[in-house]
């Protein structure tokens, strides 16, 4: 009988990366728009995509670093460890999740010529995505889906607000 292959990224890791991507995009779009009524819609779109592509790259590399660190720790002093194919698959998965999570938030910028309605639509999409992520985490854990979805959306709003207030 064939051995079942271990997931490279567990469900909580996948959902968490989407949450990170949504929060990063919300923060970046929000920071760009603060005090800038003249910000061009296309500029916000390109900037948010660029930010999450860069963050996805960093997060993917840090995934590989974390995997190497854990394997080295398990092997003990003097043990050598190398990057494995699963490390690279995991890093690619992290990169793709963080990058793709930006697209739903920037789609409104393709349909609105003015910044205010594009920002509102983007923020509503972000709230819906955060709710869905909370729902999925609760489904995975066996918790209350509605409560977790609502809580994740609320936490997302608070985190994005705090990050923007801190200049991020």
Protein backbone atom coordinates (compact mmCIF):
# COMPACT_ATOMS: atom_id res chain seq x y z
CA UNK A 1 0.00 0.00 0.00
CA UNK A 2 1.29 3.48 -0.90
CA UNK A 3 2.30 5.68 2.00
CA UNK A 4 0.24 8.86 2.31
CA UNK A 5 2.39 11.91 1.63
CA UNK A 6 2.69 14.51 4.39
CA UNK A 7 1.32 17.95 3.60
CA UNK A 8 4.04 20.52 3.11
CA UNK A 9 1.80 23.28 4.46
CA UNK A 10 -0.86 22.36 7.00
CA UNK A 11 -4.32 23.97 6.77
CA UNK A 12 -3.55 26.44 9.55
CA UNK A 13 -0.34 27.47 7.74
CA UNK A 14 -2.18 28.01 4.46
CA UNK A 15 -4.98 30.06 6.00
CA UNK A 16 -2.48 32.05 8.10
CA UNK A 17 -0.50 33.01 5.00
CA UNK A 18 -3.68 34.27 3.33
CA UNK A 19 -4.48 36.29 6.46
CA UNK A 20 -0.95 37.76 6.43
CA UNK A 21 -1.33 38.65 2.76
CA UNK A 22 -4.70 40.32 3.30
CA UNK A 23 -3.43 42.31 6.28
CA UNK A 24 -0.30 43.36 4.43
CA UNK A 25 -2.30 44.54 1.43
CA UNK A 26 -4.82 46.35 3.65
CA UNK A 27 -2.03 48.07 5.52
CA UNK A 28 -0.14 49.09 2.42
CA UNK A 29 -3.21 50.37 0.58
CA UNK A 30 -4.33 52.21 3.70
CA UNK A 31 -0.91 53.78 4.26
CA UNK A 32 -0.79 54.97 0.66
CA UNK A 33 -4.20 56.56 0.90
CA UNK A 34 -3.69 58.40 4.21
CA UNK A 35 -3.84 62.10 3.49
CA UNK A 36 -3.63 61.56 -0.25
CA UNK A 37 -6.80 62.39 -2.09
CA UNK A 38 -4.77 62.59 -5.29
CA UNK A 39 -3.37 59.07 -5.09
CA UNK A 40 -4.01 57.48 -8.43
CA UNK A 41 -6.00 54.30 -8.33
CA UNK A 42 -3.53 52.46 -10.57
CA UNK A 43 -0.65 53.51 -8.30
CA UNK A 44 -2.38 51.91 -5.31
CA UNK A 45 -3.01 48.75 -7.32
CA UNK A 46 0.60 48.36 -8.49
CA UNK A 47 2.01 49.28 -5.08
CA UNK A 48 -0.14 46.72 -3.22
CA UNK A 49 0.76 43.97 -5.67
CA UNK A 50 4.44 44.84 -5.50
CA UNK A 51 4.38 44.91 -1.72
CA UNK A 52 2.80 41.47 -1.42
CA UNK A 53 5.06 39.92 -4.07
CA UNK A 54 8.05 41.22 -2.10
CA UNK A 55 6.56 40.04 1.19
CA UNK A 56 5.72 36.65 -0.31
CA UNK A 57 9.35 36.27 -1.37
CA UNK A 58 10.62 37.19 2.10
CA UNK A 59 8.08 34.94 3.82
CA UNK A 60 8.94 32.03 1.50
CA UNK A 61 12.65 32.37 2.22
CA UNK A 62 11.97 32.57 5.95
CA UNK A 63 9.92 29.38 5.64
CA UNK A 64 13.02 27.60 4.30
CA UNK A 65 15.16 29.10 7.08
CA UNK A 66 12.67 27.88 9.71
CA UNK A 67 12.64 24.36 8.24
CA UNK A 68 16.43 24.20 8.19
CA UNK A 69 16.61 25.51 11.75
CA UNK A 70 14.15 22.92 13.04
CA UNK A 71 15.94 20.03 11.32
CA UNK A 72 19.31 21.23 12.58
CA UNK A 73 17.91 21.47 16.10
CA UNK A 74 16.52 17.95 15.89
CA UNK A 75 19.86 16.55 14.69
CA UNK A 76 21.92 18.24 17.41
CA UNK A 77 25.49 19.63 17.40
CA UNK A 78 27.57 18.90 14.35
CA UNK A 79 24.64 17.64 12.31
CA UNK A 80 24.46 19.03 8.78
CA UNK A 81 21.20 19.70 7.09
CA UNK A 82 20.34 20.66 3.54
CA UNK A 83 17.43 22.29 1.80
CA UNK A 84 14.96 19.61 0.76
CA UNK A 85 12.40 19.55 -2.04
CA UNK A 86 9.55 19.91 0.48
CA UNK A 87 11.22 23.07 1.82
CA UNK A 88 11.14 24.58 -1.65
CA UNK A 89 7.56 23.42 -2.25
CA UNK A 90 6.54 24.98 1.05
CA UNK A 91 8.33 28.23 0.22
CA UNK A 92 6.61 28.34 -3.16
CA UNK A 93 3.27 27.68 -1.51
CA UNK A 94 3.83 30.50 0.96
CA UNK A 95 4.84 32.86 -1.85
CA UNK A 96 1.80 31.97 -3.96
CA UNK A 97 -0.65 32.29 -1.06
CA UNK A 98 0.64 35.69 0.07
CA UNK A 99 0.76 37.00 -3.50
CA UNK A 100 -2.62 35.65 -4.62
CA UNK A 101 -4.34 36.93 -1.49
CA UNK A 102 -3.66 40.45 -2.78
CA UNK A 103 -5.65 40.10 -5.99
CA UNK A 104 -9.17 40.21 -4.52
CA UNK A 105 -8.24 43.40 -2.65
CA UNK A 106 -6.91 45.16 -5.73
CA UNK A 107 -9.71 44.16 -8.12
CA UNK A 108 -11.87 47.11 -6.99
CA UNK A 109 -9.09 49.43 -8.15
CA UNK A 110 -9.65 48.13 -11.68
CA UNK A 111 -13.33 49.10 -11.64
CA UNK A 112 -13.33 52.48 -9.88
CA UNK A 113 -11.74 55.64 -11.21
CA UNK A 114 -11.87 57.38 -7.85
CA UNK A 115 -9.92 56.35 -4.79
CA UNK A 116 -12.64 56.54 -2.11
CA UNK A 117 -15.03 53.96 -3.62
CA UNK A 118 -12.11 51.70 -4.58
CA UNK A 119 -10.81 51.80 -0.99
CA UNK A 120 -14.25 51.07 0.44
CA UNK A 121 -14.79 48.12 -1.89
CA UNK A 122 -11.28 46.82 -1.19
CA UNK A 123 -11.83 47.01 2.57
CA UNK A 124 -15.16 45.18 2.27
CA UNK A 125 -13.48 42.43 0.24
CA UNK A 126 -10.74 42.22 2.89
CA UNK A 127 -13.33 41.85 5.66
CA UNK A 128 -15.08 39.09 3.73
CA UNK A 129 -11.76 37.29 3.17
CA UNK A 130 -10.81 37.58 6.85
CA UNK A 131 -14.23 36.26 7.84
CA UNK A 132 -13.76 33.31 5.50
CA UNK A 133 -10.29 32.62 6.91
CA UNK A 134 -11.68 32.59 10.46
CA UNK A 135 -14.46 30.28 9.29
CA UNK A 136 -11.92 27.89 7.73
CA UNK A 137 -9.73 27.87 10.84
CA UNK A 138 -12.76 27.05 13.01
CA UNK A 139 -13.80 24.29 10.63
CA UNK A 140 -10.30 22.83 10.88
CA UNK A 141 -10.30 23.08 14.69
CA UNK A 142 -13.92 22.05 15.23
CA UNK A 143 -14.91 25.42 16.69
CA UNK A 144 -17.75 27.84 16.06
CA UNK A 145 -17.42 28.99 12.45
CA UNK A 146 -19.58 32.11 12.77
CA UNK A 147 -17.83 33.24 15.93
CA UNK A 148 -14.36 32.61 14.51
CA UNK A 149 -15.20 34.33 11.23
CA UNK A 150 -16.55 37.39 13.00
CA UNK A 151 -13.63 37.46 15.42
CA UNK A 152 -11.06 37.18 12.61
CA UNK A 153 -12.70 40.04 10.70
CA UNK A 154 -12.72 42.17 13.87
CA UNK A 155 -9.11 41.32 14.71
CA UNK A 156 -8.14 42.11 11.13
CA UNK A 157 -9.74 45.54 11.35
CA UNK A 158 -7.99 46.24 14.66
CA UNK A 159 -4.60 45.00 13.38
CA UNK A 160 -4.82 46.94 10.14
CA UNK A 161 -5.80 50.07 12.07
CA UNK A 162 -2.93 49.63 14.51
CA UNK A 163 -0.43 48.98 11.73
CA UNK A 164 -1.54 52.06 9.82
CA UNK A 165 -1.42 54.17 12.99
CA UNK A 166 2.15 53.01 13.52
CA UNK A 167 3.06 54.07 10.01
CA UNK A 168 3.02 50.66 8.36
